[in-house]
Amino acid sequence: LCTNVPGSLRAFATTELGDDHYEGWGNLLHSVKT
């Protein structure tokens, strides 16, 4: 999760675990129903 290391996953963690994805996954039941 360090910024400037080879193979850094910091940006991936920030993108994929951030509020936008969190909210999207929180609405998964809506997708399953509709």
Full PDB file with SEQRES, HELIX, SHEET, SSBOND, CRYST1, ORIGX, SCALE, CONECT and MASTER records, all heavy atoms in Angstrom:
SEQRES   1 A   34  LEU CYS THR ASN VAL PRO GLY SER LEU ARG ALA PHE ALA          
SEQRES   2 A   34  THR THR GLU LEU GLY ASP ASP HIS TYR GLU GLY TRP GLY          
SEQRES   3 A   34  ASN LEU LEU HIS SER VAL LYS THR                              
HELIX    1 AA1 ARG A   10  GLU A   16  1                                   7    
HELIX    2 AA2 ASP A   19  GLY A   26  1                                   8    
HELIX    3 AA3 LEU A   28  LYS A   33  1                                   6    
CRYST1    1.000    1.000    1.000  90.00  90.00  90.00 P 1           1          
ORIGX1      1.000000  0.000000  0.000000        0.00000                         
ORIGX2      0.000000  1.000000  0.000000        0.00000                         
ORIGX3      0.000000  0.000000  1.000000        0.00000                         
SCALE1      1.000000  0.000000  0.000000        0.00000                         
SCALE2      0.000000  1.000000  0.000000        0.00000                         
SCALE3      0.000000  0.000000  1.000000        0.00000                         
ATOM      1  N   LEU A   1       0.813  -1.214   0.000  1.00  0.00           N  
ATOM      2  CA  LEU A   1       0.000   0.000   0.000  1.00  0.00           C  
ATOM      3  C   LEU A   1       0.849   1.268   0.000  1.00  0.00           C  
ATOM      4  O   LEU A   1       0.310   2.375   0.044  1.00  0.00           O  
ATOM      5  CB  LEU A   1      -0.951  -0.004   1.198  1.00  0.00           C  
ATOM      6  CG  LEU A   1      -1.958  -1.155   1.213  1.00  0.00           C  
ATOM      7  CD1 LEU A   1      -2.753  -1.148   2.510  1.00  0.00           C  
ATOM      8  CD2 LEU A   1      -2.876  -1.106   0.006  1.00  0.00           C  
ATOM      9  N   CYS A   2       2.183   1.117  -0.046  1.00  0.00           N  
ATOM     10  CA  CYS A   2       3.059   2.277  -0.186  1.00  0.00           C  
ATOM     11  C   CYS A   2       2.923   2.803  -1.611  1.00  0.00           C  
ATOM     12  O   CYS A   2       2.758   2.028  -2.559  1.00  0.00           O  
ATOM     13  CB  CYS A   2       4.512   1.906   0.107  1.00  0.00           C  
ATOM     14  SG  CYS A   2       4.809   1.449   1.833  1.00  0.00           S  
ATOM     15  N   THR A   3       3.022   4.100  -1.767  1.00  0.00           N  
ATOM     16  CA  THR A   3       2.752   4.727  -3.057  1.00  0.00           C  
ATOM     17  C   THR A   3       3.764   4.351  -4.133  1.00  0.00           C  
ATOM     18  O   THR A   3       3.396   3.964  -5.227  1.00  0.00           O  
ATOM     19  CB  THR A   3       2.715   6.260  -2.900  1.00  0.00           C  
ATOM     20  OG1 THR A   3       1.721   6.585  -1.924  1.00  0.00           O  
ATOM     21  CG2 THR A   3       2.383   6.942  -4.213  1.00  0.00           C  
ATOM     22  N   ASN A   4       5.032   4.482  -3.841  1.00  0.00           N  
ATOM     23  CA  ASN A   4       6.051   4.367  -4.885  1.00  0.00           C  
ATOM     24  C   ASN A   4       6.872   3.102  -4.775  1.00  0.00           C  
ATOM     25  O   ASN A   4       8.099   3.142  -4.844  1.00  0.00           O  
ATOM     26  CB  ASN A   4       6.954   5.603  -4.855  1.00  0.00           C  
ATOM     27  CG  ASN A   4       6.189   6.855  -5.237  1.00  0.00           C  
ATOM     28  OD1 ASN A   4       5.430   6.845  -6.192  1.00  0.00           O  
ATOM     29  ND2 ASN A   4       6.363   7.913  -4.475  1.00  0.00           N  
ATOM     30  N   VAL A   5       6.206   1.967  -4.627  1.00  0.00           N  
ATOM     31  CA  VAL A   5       6.913   0.684  -4.625  1.00  0.00           C  
ATOM     32  C   VAL A   5       6.441  -0.117  -5.831  1.00  0.00           C  
ATOM     33  O   VAL A   5       5.299   0.038  -6.270  1.00  0.00           O  
ATOM     34  CB  VAL A   5       6.669  -0.117  -3.319  1.00  0.00           C  
ATOM     35  CG1 VAL A   5       7.173   0.639  -2.110  1.00  0.00           C  
ATOM     36  CG2 VAL A   5       5.201  -0.474  -3.158  1.00  0.00           C  
ATOM     37  N   PRO A   6       7.313  -0.946  -6.383  1.00  0.00           N  
ATOM     38  CA  PRO A   6       6.860  -1.794  -7.487  1.00  0.00           C  
ATOM     39  C   PRO A   6       5.675  -2.658  -7.046  1.00  0.00           C  
ATOM     40  O   PRO A   6       5.679  -3.221  -5.961  1.00  0.00           O  
ATOM     41  CB  PRO A   6       8.092  -2.663  -7.796  1.00  0.00           C  
ATOM     42  CG  PRO A   6       9.252  -1.892  -7.253  1.00  0.00           C  
ATOM     43  CD  PRO A   6       8.722  -1.134  -6.063  1.00  0.00           C  
ATOM     44  N   GLY A   7       4.667  -2.716  -7.878  1.00  0.00           N  
ATOM     45  CA  GLY A   7       3.482  -3.499  -7.552  1.00  0.00           C  
ATOM     46  C   GLY A   7       2.555  -2.833  -6.554  1.00  0.00           C  
ATOM     47  O   GLY A   7       1.691  -3.493  -5.976  1.00  0.00           O  
ATOM     48  N   SER A   8       2.698  -1.526  -6.341  1.00  0.00           N  
ATOM     49  CA  SER A   8       1.848  -0.822  -5.381  1.00  0.00           C  
ATOM     50  C   SER A   8       0.374  -1.044  -5.680  1.00  0.00           C  
ATOM     51  O   SER A   8      -0.074  -0.953  -6.822  1.00  0.00           O  
ATOM     52  CB  SER A   8       2.133   0.680  -5.409  1.00  0.00           C  
ATOM     53  OG  SER A   8       1.213   1.372  -4.571  1.00  0.00           O  
ATOM     54  N   LEU A   9      -0.382  -1.334  -4.627  1.00  0.00           N  
ATOM     55  CA  LEU A   9      -1.825  -1.520  -4.744  1.00  0.00           C  
ATOM     56  C   LEU A   9      -2.602  -0.375  -4.088  1.00  0.00           C  
ATOM     57  O   LEU A   9      -3.814  -0.470  -3.910  1.00  0.00           O  
ATOM     58  CB  LEU A   9      -2.232  -2.854  -4.116  1.00  0.00           C  
ATOM     59  CG  LEU A   9      -1.684  -4.090  -4.826  1.00  0.00           C  
ATOM     60  CD1 LEU A   9      -2.005  -5.348  -4.025  1.00  0.00           C  
ATOM     61  CD2 LEU A   9      -2.243  -4.189  -6.234  1.00  0.00           C  
ATOM     62  N   ARG A  10      -1.891   0.708  -3.723  1.00  0.00           N  
ATOM     63  CA  ARG A  10      -2.561   1.809  -3.036  1.00  0.00           C  
ATOM     64  C   ARG A  10      -3.690   2.406  -3.880  1.00  0.00           C  
ATOM     65  O   ARG A  10      -4.815   2.576  -3.392  1.00  0.00           O  
ATOM     66  CB  ARG A  10      -1.570   2.904  -2.655  1.00  0.00           C  
ATOM     67  CG  ARG A  10      -2.268   4.026  -1.913  1.00  0.00           C  
ATOM     68  CD  ARG A  10      -1.379   5.147  -1.489  1.00  0.00           C  
ATOM     69  NE  ARG A  10      -2.176   6.159  -0.814  1.00  0.00           N  
ATOM     70  CZ  ARG A  10      -1.795   7.390  -0.653  1.00  0.00           C  
ATOM     71  NH1 ARG A  10      -0.606   7.789  -1.076  1.00  0.00           N  
ATOM     72  NH2 ARG A  10      -2.581   8.251  -0.042  1.00  0.00           N  
ATOM     73  N   ALA A  11      -3.425   2.720  -5.133  1.00  0.00           N  
ATOM     74  CA  ALA A  11      -4.464   3.315  -5.978  1.00  0.00           C  
ATOM     75  C   ALA A  11      -5.597   2.325  -6.211  1.00  0.00           C  
ATOM     76  O   ALA A  11      -6.772   2.714  -6.247  1.00  0.00           O  
ATOM     77  CB  ALA A  11      -3.871   3.784  -7.306  1.00  0.00           C  
ATOM     78  N   PHE A  12      -5.271   1.052  -6.348  1.00  0.00           N  
ATOM     79  CA  PHE A  12      -6.310   0.035  -6.529  1.00  0.00           C  
ATOM     80  C   PHE A  12      -7.191  -0.036  -5.288  1.00  0.00           C  
ATOM     81  O   PHE A  12      -8.422  -0.053  -5.386  1.00  0.00           O  
ATOM     82  CB  PHE A  12      -5.671  -1.323  -6.821  1.00  0.00           C  
ATOM     83  CG  PHE A  12      -6.665  -2.431  -7.014  1.00  0.00           C  
ATOM     84  CD1 PHE A  12      -7.436  -2.496  -8.163  1.00  0.00           C  
ATOM     85  CD2 PHE A  12      -6.837  -3.412  -6.048  1.00  0.00           C  
ATOM     86  CE1 PHE A  12      -8.361  -3.519  -8.351  1.00  0.00           C  
ATOM     87  CE2 PHE A  12      -7.760  -4.437  -6.229  1.00  0.00           C  
ATOM     88  CZ  PHE A  12      -8.527  -4.494  -7.383  1.00  0.00           C  
ATOM     89  N   ALA A  13      -6.564  -0.061  -4.100  1.00  0.00           N  
ATOM     90  CA  ALA A  13      -7.338  -0.125  -2.854  1.00  0.00           C  
ATOM     91  C   ALA A  13      -8.212   1.111  -2.694  1.00  0.00           C  
ATOM     92  O   ALA A  13      -9.374   1.014  -2.297  1.00  0.00           O  
ATOM     93  CB  ALA A  13      -6.397  -0.279  -1.660  1.00  0.00           C  
ATOM     94  N   THR A  14      -7.670   2.274  -3.017  1.00  0.00           N  
ATOM     95  CA  THR A  14      -8.434   3.511  -2.882  1.00  0.00           C  
ATOM     96  C   THR A  14      -9.608   3.531  -3.858  1.00  0.00           C  
ATOM     97  O   THR A  14     -10.711   3.941  -3.506  1.00  0.00           O  
ATOM     98  CB  THR A  14      -7.523   4.730  -3.111  1.00  0.00           C  
ATOM     99  OG1 THR A  14      -6.421   4.658  -2.202  1.00  0.00           O  
ATOM    100  CG2 THR A  14      -8.257   6.029  -2.879  1.00  0.00           C  
ATOM    101  N   THR A  15      -9.371   3.052  -5.081  1.00  0.00           N  
ATOM    102  CA  THR A  15     -10.430   3.034  -6.091  1.00  0.00           C  
ATOM    103  C   THR A  15     -11.480   1.979  -5.776  1.00  0.00           C  
ATOM    104  O   THR A  15     -12.679   2.259  -5.719  1.00  0.00           O  
ATOM    105  CB  THR A  15      -9.831   2.766  -7.485  1.00  0.00           C  
ATOM    106  OG1 THR A  15      -8.896   3.800  -7.799  1.00  0.00           O  
ATOM    107  CG2 THR A  15     -10.905   2.733  -8.551  1.00  0.00           C  
ATOM    108  N   GLU A  16     -11.041   0.758  -5.555  1.00  0.00           N  
ATOM    109  CA  GLU A  16     -11.976  -0.364  -5.415  1.00  0.00           C  
ATOM    110  C   GLU A  16     -12.664  -0.428  -4.053  1.00  0.00           C  
ATOM    111  O   GLU A  16     -13.747  -0.986  -3.943  1.00  0.00           O  
ATOM    112  CB  GLU A  16     -11.261  -1.680  -5.696  1.00  0.00           C  
ATOM    113  CG  GLU A  16     -10.802  -1.815  -7.129  1.00  0.00           C  
ATOM    114  CD  GLU A  16     -11.938  -1.734  -8.134  1.00  0.00           C  
ATOM    115  OE1 GLU A  16     -12.949  -2.450  -7.955  1.00  0.00           O  
ATOM    116  OE2 GLU A  16     -11.821  -0.955  -9.090  1.00  0.00           O  
ATOM    117  N   LEU A  17     -12.022   0.104  -3.026  1.00  0.00           N  
ATOM    118  CA  LEU A  17     -12.612   0.051  -1.685  1.00  0.00           C  
ATOM    119  C   LEU A  17     -13.201   1.389  -1.259  1.00  0.00           C  
ATOM    120  O   LEU A  17     -13.693   1.528  -0.141  1.00  0.00           O  
ATOM    121  CB  LEU A  17     -11.564  -0.405  -0.659  1.00  0.00           C  
ATOM    122  CG  LEU A  17     -10.956  -1.778  -0.905  1.00  0.00           C  
ATOM    123  CD1 LEU A  17      -9.835  -2.050   0.095  1.00  0.00           C  
ATOM    124  CD2 LEU A  17     -12.011  -2.863  -0.845  1.00  0.00           C  
ATOM    125  N   GLY A  18     -13.145   2.377  -2.149  1.00  0.00           N  
ATOM    126  CA  GLY A  18     -13.649   3.710  -1.836  1.00  0.00           C  
ATOM    127  C   GLY A  18     -15.165   3.772  -1.778  1.00  0.00           C  
ATOM    128  O   GLY A  18     -15.871   2.803  -2.051  1.00  0.00           O  
ATOM    129  N   ASP A  19     -15.643   4.943  -1.432  1.00  0.00           N  
ATOM    130  CA  ASP A  19     -17.068   5.123  -1.193  1.00  0.00           C  
ATOM    131  C   ASP A  19     -17.927   4.827  -2.415  1.00  0.00           C  
ATOM    132  O   ASP A  19     -19.046   4.333  -2.280  1.00  0.00           O  
ATOM    133  CB  ASP A  19     -17.342   6.544  -0.694  1.00  0.00           C  
ATOM    134  CG  ASP A  19     -16.742   6.776   0.688  1.00  0.00           C  
ATOM    135  OD1 ASP A  19     -16.541   5.782   1.419  1.00  0.00           O  
ATOM    136  OD2 ASP A  19     -16.469   7.935   1.023  1.00  0.00           O  
ATOM    137  N   ASP A  20     -17.418   5.112  -3.616  1.00  0.00           N  
ATOM    138  CA  ASP A  20     -18.250   4.865  -4.792  1.00  0.00           C  
ATOM    139  C   ASP A  20     -18.474   3.364  -5.005  1.00  0.00           C  
ATOM    140  O   ASP A  20     -19.600   2.928  -5.225  1.00  0.00           O  
ATOM    141  CB  ASP A  20     -17.649   5.520  -6.037  1.00  0.00           C  
ATOM    142  CG  ASP A  20     -16.228   5.082  -6.310  1.00  0.00           C  
ATOM    143  OD1 ASP A  20     -15.496   4.790  -5.359  1.00  0.00           O  
ATOM    144  OD2 ASP A  20     -15.855   5.031  -7.491  1.00  0.00           O  
ATOM    145  N   HIS A  21     -17.435   2.568  -4.920  1.00  0.00           N  
ATOM    146  CA  HIS A  21     -17.619   1.121  -5.066  1.00  0.00           C  
ATOM    147  C   HIS A  21     -18.389   0.539  -3.869  1.00  0.00           C  
ATOM    148  O   HIS A  21     -19.201  -0.359  -4.031  1.00  0.00           O  
ATOM    149  CB  HIS A  21     -16.273   0.401  -5.217  1.00  0.00           C  
ATOM    150  CG  HIS A  21     -15.794   0.383  -6.619  1.00  0.00           C  
ATOM    151  ND1 HIS A  21     -14.996   1.367  -7.138  1.00  0.00           N  
ATOM    152  CD2 HIS A  21     -16.022  -0.494  -7.623  1.00  0.00           C  
ATOM    153  CE1 HIS A  21     -14.748   1.104  -8.399  1.00  0.00           C  
ATOM    154  NE2 HIS A  21     -15.354  -0.024  -8.722  1.00  0.00           N  
ATOM    155  N   TYR A  22     -18.118   1.058  -2.695  1.00  0.00           N  
ATOM    156  CA  TYR A  22     -18.801   0.594  -1.490  1.00  0.00           C  
ATOM    157  C   TYR A  22     -20.307   0.776  -1.646  1.00  0.00           C  
ATOM    158  O   TYR A  22     -21.091  -0.131  -1.376  1.00  0.00           O  
ATOM    159  CB  TYR A  22     -18.259   1.378  -0.294  1.00  0.00           C  
ATOM    160  CG  TYR A  22     -18.763   0.950   1.042  1.00  0.00           C  
ATOM    161  CD1 TYR A  22     -18.296  -0.213   1.645  1.00  0.00           C  
ATOM    162  CD2 TYR A  22     -19.681   1.727   1.732  1.00  0.00           C  
ATOM    163  CE1 TYR A  22     -18.746  -0.597   2.896  1.00  0.00           C  
ATOM    164  CE2 TYR A  22     -20.134   1.345   2.978  1.00  0.00           C  
ATOM    165  CZ  TYR A  22     -19.663   0.183   3.554  1.00  0.00           C  
ATOM    166  OH  TYR A  22     -20.110  -0.194   4.788  1.00  0.00           O  
ATOM    167  N   GLU A  23     -20.702   1.946  -2.116  1.00  0.00           N  
ATOM    168  CA  GLU A  23     -22.124   2.240  -2.313  1.00  0.00           C  
ATOM    169  C   GLU A  23     -22.713   1.389  -3.438  1.00  0.00           C  
ATOM    170  O   GLU A  23     -23.837   0.891  -3.339  1.00  0.00           O  
ATOM    171  CB  GLU A  23     -22.321   3.726  -2.629  1.00  0.00           C  
ATOM    172  CG  GLU A  23     -23.750   4.171  -2.670  1.00  0.00           C  
ATOM    173  CD  GLU A  23     -24.414   4.200  -1.314  1.00  0.00           C  
ATOM    174  OE1 GLU A  23     -23.721   4.359  -0.303  1.00  0.00           O  
ATOM    175  OE2 GLU A  23     -25.657   4.069  -1.269  1.00  0.00           O  
ATOM    176  N   GLY A  24     -21.942   1.208  -4.488  1.00  0.00           N  
ATOM    177  CA  GLY A  24     -22.402   0.367  -5.588  1.00  0.00           C  
ATOM    178  C   GLY A  24     -22.653  -1.066  -5.139  1.00  0.00           C  
ATOM    179  O   GLY A  24     -23.708  -1.643  -5.401  1.00  0.00           O  
ATOM    180  N   TRP A  25     -21.693  -1.648  -4.442  1.00  0.00           N  
ATOM    181  CA  TRP A  25     -21.865  -3.017  -3.929  1.00  0.00           C  
ATOM    182  C   TRP A  25     -22.989  -3.075  -2.902  1.00  0.00           C  
ATOM    183  O   TRP A  25     -23.664  -4.092  -2.761  1.00  0.00           O  
ATOM    184  CB  TRP A  25     -20.567  -3.546  -3.322  1.00  0.00           C  
ATOM    185  CG  TRP A  25     -19.606  -4.015  -4.363  1.00  0.00           C  
ATOM    186  CD1 TRP A  25     -18.495  -3.359  -4.816  1.00  0.00           C  
ATOM    187  CD2 TRP A  25     -19.662  -5.243  -5.096  1.00  0.00           C  
ATOM    188  NE1 TRP A  25     -17.868  -4.103  -5.789  1.00  0.00           N  
ATOM    189  CE2 TRP A  25     -18.568  -5.271  -5.978  1.00  0.00           C  
ATOM    190  CE3 TRP A  25     -20.541  -6.320  -5.104  1.00  0.00           C  
ATOM    191  CZ2 TRP A  25     -18.322  -6.324  -6.844  1.00  0.00           C  
ATOM    192  CZ3 TRP A  25     -20.306  -7.373  -5.970  1.00  0.00           C  
ATOM    193  CH2 TRP A  25     -19.200  -7.366  -6.829  1.00  0.00           C  
ATOM    194  N   GLY A  26     -23.201  -1.994  -2.188  1.00  0.00           N  
ATOM    195  CA  GLY A  26     -24.287  -1.941  -1.221  1.00  0.00           C  
ATOM    196  C   GLY A  26     -25.662  -2.043  -1.870  1.00  0.00           C  
ATOM    197  O   GLY A  26     -26.649  -2.324  -1.213  1.00  0.00           O  
ATOM    198  N   ASN A  27     -25.722  -1.807  -3.170  1.00  0.00           N  
ATOM    199  CA  ASN A  27     -26.979  -1.879  -3.915  1.00  0.00           C  
ATOM    200  C   ASN A  27     -27.076  -3.133  -4.782  1.00  0.00           C  
ATOM    201  O   ASN A  27     -27.867  -3.188  -5.715  1.00  0.00           O  
ATOM    202  CB  ASN A  27     -27.132  -0.627  -4.777  1.00  0.00           C  
ATOM    203  CG  ASN A  27     -27.647   0.544  -3.976  1.00  0.00           C  
ATOM    204  OD1 ASN A  27     -28.841   0.735  -3.859  1.00  0.00           O  
ATOM    205  ND2 ASN A  27     -26.738   1.308  -3.395  1.00  0.00           N  
ATOM    206  N   LEU A  28     -26.266  -4.137  -4.472  1.00  0.00           N  
ATOM    207  CA  LEU A  28     -26.262  -5.369  -5.249  1.00  0.00           C  
ATOM    208  C   LEU A  28     -27.630  -6.054  -5.262  1.00  0.00           C  
ATOM    209  O   LEU A  28     -28.060  -6.596  -6.286  1.00  0.00           O  
ATOM    210  CB  LEU A  28     -25.187  -6.323  -4.722  1.00  0.00           C  
ATOM    211  CG  LEU A  28     -24.997  -7.634  -5.481  1.00  0.00           C  
ATOM    212  CD1 LEU A  28     -24.641  -7.381  -6.937  1.00  0.00           C  
ATOM    213  CD2 LEU A  28     -23.921  -8.474  -4.806  1.00  0.00           C  
ATOM    214  N   LEU A  29     -28.336  -6.011  -4.144  1.00  0.00           N  
ATOM    215  CA  LEU A  29     -29.655  -6.638  -4.097  1.00  0.00           C  
ATOM    216  C   LEU A  29     -30.591  -6.015  -5.136  1.00  0.00           C  
ATOM    217  O   LEU A  29     -31.381  -6.716  -5.764  1.00  0.00           O  
ATOM    218  CB  LEU A  29     -30.256  -6.548  -2.689  1.00  0.00           C  
ATOM    219  CG  LEU A  29     -31.615  -7.222  -2.494  1.00  0.00           C  
ATOM    220  CD1 LEU A  29     -31.551  -8.710  -2.831  1.00  0.00           C  
ATOM    221  CD2 LEU A  29     -32.096  -7.013  -1.056  1.00  0.00           C  
ATOM    222  N   HIS A  30     -30.471  -4.702  -5.337  1.00  0.00           N  
ATOM    223  CA  HIS A  30     -31.278  -4.036  -6.369  1.00  0.00           C  
ATOM    224  C   HIS A  30     -31.003  -4.669  -7.736  1.00  0.00           C  
ATOM    225  O   HIS A  30     -31.935  -4.919  -8.509  1.00  0.00           O  
ATOM    226  CB  HIS A  30     -30.976  -2.535  -6.394  1.00  0.00           C  
ATOM    227  CG  HIS A  30     -31.675  -1.819  -7.502  1.00  0.00           C  
ATOM    228  ND1 HIS A  30     -33.002  -1.458  -7.434  1.00  0.00           N  
ATOM    229  CD2 HIS A  30     -31.240  -1.422  -8.724  1.00  0.00           C  
ATOM    230  CE1 HIS A  30     -33.350  -0.854  -8.557  1.00  0.00           C  
ATOM    231  NE2 HIS A  30     -32.296  -0.827  -9.359  1.00  0.00           N  
ATOM    232  N   SER A  31     -29.738  -4.933  -8.046  1.00  0.00           N  
ATOM    233  CA  SER A  31     -29.387  -5.570  -9.325  1.00  0.00           C  
ATOM    234  C   SER A  31     -29.980  -6.960  -9.436  1.00  0.00           C  
ATOM    235  O   SER A  31     -30.507  -7.334 -10.491  1.00  0.00           O  
ATOM    236  CB  SER A  31     -27.862  -5.666  -9.483  1.00  0.00           C  
ATOM    237  OG  SER A  31     -27.315  -4.413  -9.702  1.00  0.00           O  
ATOM    238  N   VAL A  32     -29.895  -7.716  -8.369  1.00  0.00           N  
ATOM    239  CA  VAL A  32     -30.413  -9.083  -8.390  1.00  0.00           C  
ATOM    240  C   VAL A  32     -31.926  -9.080  -8.600  1.00  0.00           C  
ATOM    241  O   VAL A  32     -32.468  -9.922  -9.317  1.00  0.00           O  
ATOM    242  CB  VAL A  32     -30.014  -9.837  -7.096  1.00  0.00           C  
ATOM    243  CG1 VAL A  32     -30.708 -11.176  -6.990  1.00  0.00           C  
ATOM    244  CG2 VAL A  32     -28.501 -10.006  -7.042  1.00  0.00           C  
ATOM    245  N   LYS A  33     -32.603  -8.118  -7.992  1.00  0.00           N  
ATOM    246  CA  LYS A  33     -34.062  -8.060  -8.119  1.00  0.00           C  
ATOM    247  C   LYS A  33     -34.516  -7.515  -9.473  1.00  0.00           C  
ATOM    248  O   LYS A  33     -35.538  -7.944 -10.009  1.00  0.00           O  
ATOM    249  CB  LYS A  33     -34.659  -7.190  -7.014  1.00  0.00           C  
ATOM    250  CG  LYS A  33     -34.638  -7.845  -5.655  1.00  0.00           C  
ATOM    251  CD  LYS A  33     -35.287  -6.930  -4.631  1.00  0.00           C  
ATOM    252  CE  LYS A  33     -35.460  -7.647  -3.302  1.00  0.00           C  
ATOM    253  NZ  LYS A  33     -36.169  -6.794  -2.329  1.00  0.00           N  
ATOM    254  N   THR A  34     -33.775  -6.556 -10.028  1.00  0.00           N  
ATOM    255  CA  THR A  34     -34.258  -5.839 -11.211  1.00  0.00           C  
ATOM    256  C   THR A  34     -33.456  -6.095 -12.481  1.00  0.00           C  
ATOM    257  O   THR A  34     -33.940  -5.811 -13.571  1.00  0.00           O  
ATOM    258  CB  THR A  34     -34.229  -4.317 -10.961  1.00  0.00           C  
ATOM    259  OG1 THR A  34     -32.865  -3.904 -10.825  1.00  0.00           O  
ATOM    260  CG2 THR A  34     -35.036  -3.938  -9.735  1.00  0.00           C  
TER     261      THR A  34                                                      
MASTER        0    0    0    3    0    0    0    6  260    1    0    3          
END                                                                             
